[in-house]
Amino acid sequence: MNSQSCEIEKLHHKYDPDTSVGAAATIIATGRQGTQRREVLEAYRTFSPCTARELSEWSGLDYHTISRRQCELRRNGLLNDSGVRRDGGVMWQINPNII
């Protein structure tokens, strides 16, 4: 299994329909995943700590895009849970060790 196949598998669930698998492959192949990841990271650099909903409101980025890329940023050690909750949401912050 190549690295792109591994990345695609991380973007969909095991029993998702083929359309989800295709969408995962497309977002990687077009580079849109990386672009969105950078946009979300930059927005968190500007506004964190904040919830995904707040980040969407303040940055103008789509909430669902933020949520999807947020998982990847956490997995890569770029975002941390601040330990604070607001309006039922986790307040995320940039990992202070990477700034």
Protein backbone atom coordinates (compact mmCIF):
# COMPACT_ATOMS: atom_id res chain seq x y z
CA MET A 1 0.00 0.00 0.00
CA ASN A 2 1.47 3.37 -0.99
CA SER A 3 1.40 6.55 1.09
CA GLN A 4 -1.44 8.08 -0.94
CA SER A 5 -3.59 5.00 -0.28
CA CYS A 6 -2.90 5.38 3.45
CA GLU A 7 -3.89 9.06 3.33
CA ILE A 8 -7.09 8.22 1.46
CA GLU A 9 -8.01 5.62 4.09
CA LYS A 10 -7.64 8.25 6.84
CA LEU A 11 -10.22 10.47 5.11
CA HIS A 12 -13.10 8.02 5.05
CA HIS A 13 -14.56 5.29 7.20
CA LYS A 14 -14.25 1.58 6.44
CA TYR A 15 -17.89 1.15 5.40
CA ASP A 16 -18.37 4.48 3.62
CA PRO A 17 -19.78 4.34 0.09
CA ASP A 18 -17.47 4.42 -2.91
CA THR A 19 -18.34 8.10 -3.40
CA SER A 20 -16.59 8.90 -0.11
CA VAL A 21 -13.51 7.00 -1.21
CA GLY A 22 -13.55 8.91 -4.50
CA ALA A 23 -13.94 12.24 -2.72
CA ALA A 24 -10.98 11.41 -0.47
CA ALA A 25 -8.82 10.56 -3.48
CA THR A 26 -9.86 13.75 -5.27
CA ILE A 27 -9.13 16.10 -2.38
CA ILE A 28 -5.63 14.64 -2.09
CA ALA A 29 -4.92 14.54 -5.84
CA THR A 30 -6.01 18.15 -6.39
CA GLY A 31 -4.00 19.44 -3.44
CA ARG A 32 -7.12 20.89 -1.86
CA GLN A 33 -6.54 18.98 1.37
CA GLY A 34 -3.15 20.63 1.88
CA THR A 35 -4.51 24.06 0.98
CA GLN A 36 -7.38 23.70 3.44
CA ARG A 37 -5.06 22.40 6.13
CA ARG A 38 -2.80 25.45 5.74
CA GLU A 39 -5.79 27.82 5.78
CA VAL A 40 -7.18 26.28 8.97
CA LEU A 41 -3.76 26.29 10.66
CA GLU A 42 -3.23 29.96 9.77
CA ALA A 43 -6.68 30.83 11.08
CA TYR A 44 -5.90 29.08 14.37
CA ARG A 45 -2.61 31.00 14.53
CA THR A 46 -4.64 34.20 14.31
CA PHE A 47 -7.61 33.36 16.54
CA SER A 48 -6.70 30.53 18.94
CA PRO A 49 -7.64 29.44 21.44
CA CYS A 50 -11.16 29.06 20.08
CA THR A 51 -13.79 26.51 19.18
CA ALA A 52 -14.28 25.32 15.60
CA ARG A 53 -17.58 27.25 15.46
CA GLU A 54 -15.90 30.45 16.61
CA LEU A 55 -13.08 29.96 14.12
CA SER A 56 -15.61 29.54 11.33
CA GLU A 57 -17.44 32.70 12.35
CA TRP A 58 -14.31 34.81 12.78
CA SER A 59 -12.29 33.53 9.81
CA GLY A 60 -15.06 32.94 7.27
CA LEU A 61 -13.88 29.36 6.72
CA ASP A 62 -16.51 26.63 6.43
CA TYR A 63 -17.20 24.89 9.76
CA HIS A 64 -17.12 21.40 8.22
CA THR A 65 -13.80 22.10 6.49
CA ILE A 66 -12.36 23.27 9.81
CA SER A 67 -13.59 20.15 11.60
CA ARG A 68 -12.15 17.81 8.96
CA ARG A 69 -8.74 19.46 8.79
CA GLN A 70 -8.64 19.97 12.57
CA CYS A 71 -8.47 16.18 13.06
CA GLU A 72 -5.47 16.01 10.75
CA LEU A 73 -3.75 18.94 12.46
CA ARG A 74 -4.25 17.30 15.86
CA ARG A 75 -2.94 13.98 14.57
CA ASN A 76 0.15 15.78 13.23
CA GLY A 77 0.75 17.50 16.59
CA LEU A 78 0.00 21.01 15.34
CA LEU A 79 -3.16 21.63 17.41
CA ASN A 80 -3.84 20.89 21.08
CA ASP A 81 -6.93 20.79 23.24
CA SER A 82 -6.55 23.88 25.47
CA GLY A 83 -8.45 22.13 28.26
CA VAL A 84 -11.10 24.86 28.20
CA ARG A 85 -14.68 24.39 27.02
CA ARG A 86 -16.95 27.16 25.77
CA ASP A 87 -20.55 26.77 24.66
CA GLY A 88 -20.12 23.00 24.68
CA GLY A 89 -17.11 23.07 22.35
CA VAL A 90 -13.44 22.32 22.80
CA MET A 91 -11.23 25.36 22.55
CA TRP A 92 -8.30 24.40 20.32
CA GLN A 93 -4.95 26.10 20.26
CA ILE A 94 -1.77 25.96 18.24
CA ASN A 95 0.76 23.61 19.80
CA PRO A 96 3.08 26.09 21.58
CA ASN A 97 6.09 23.93 20.72
CA ILE A 98 5.76 24.60 16.98
CA ILE A 99 5.35 28.39 16.90
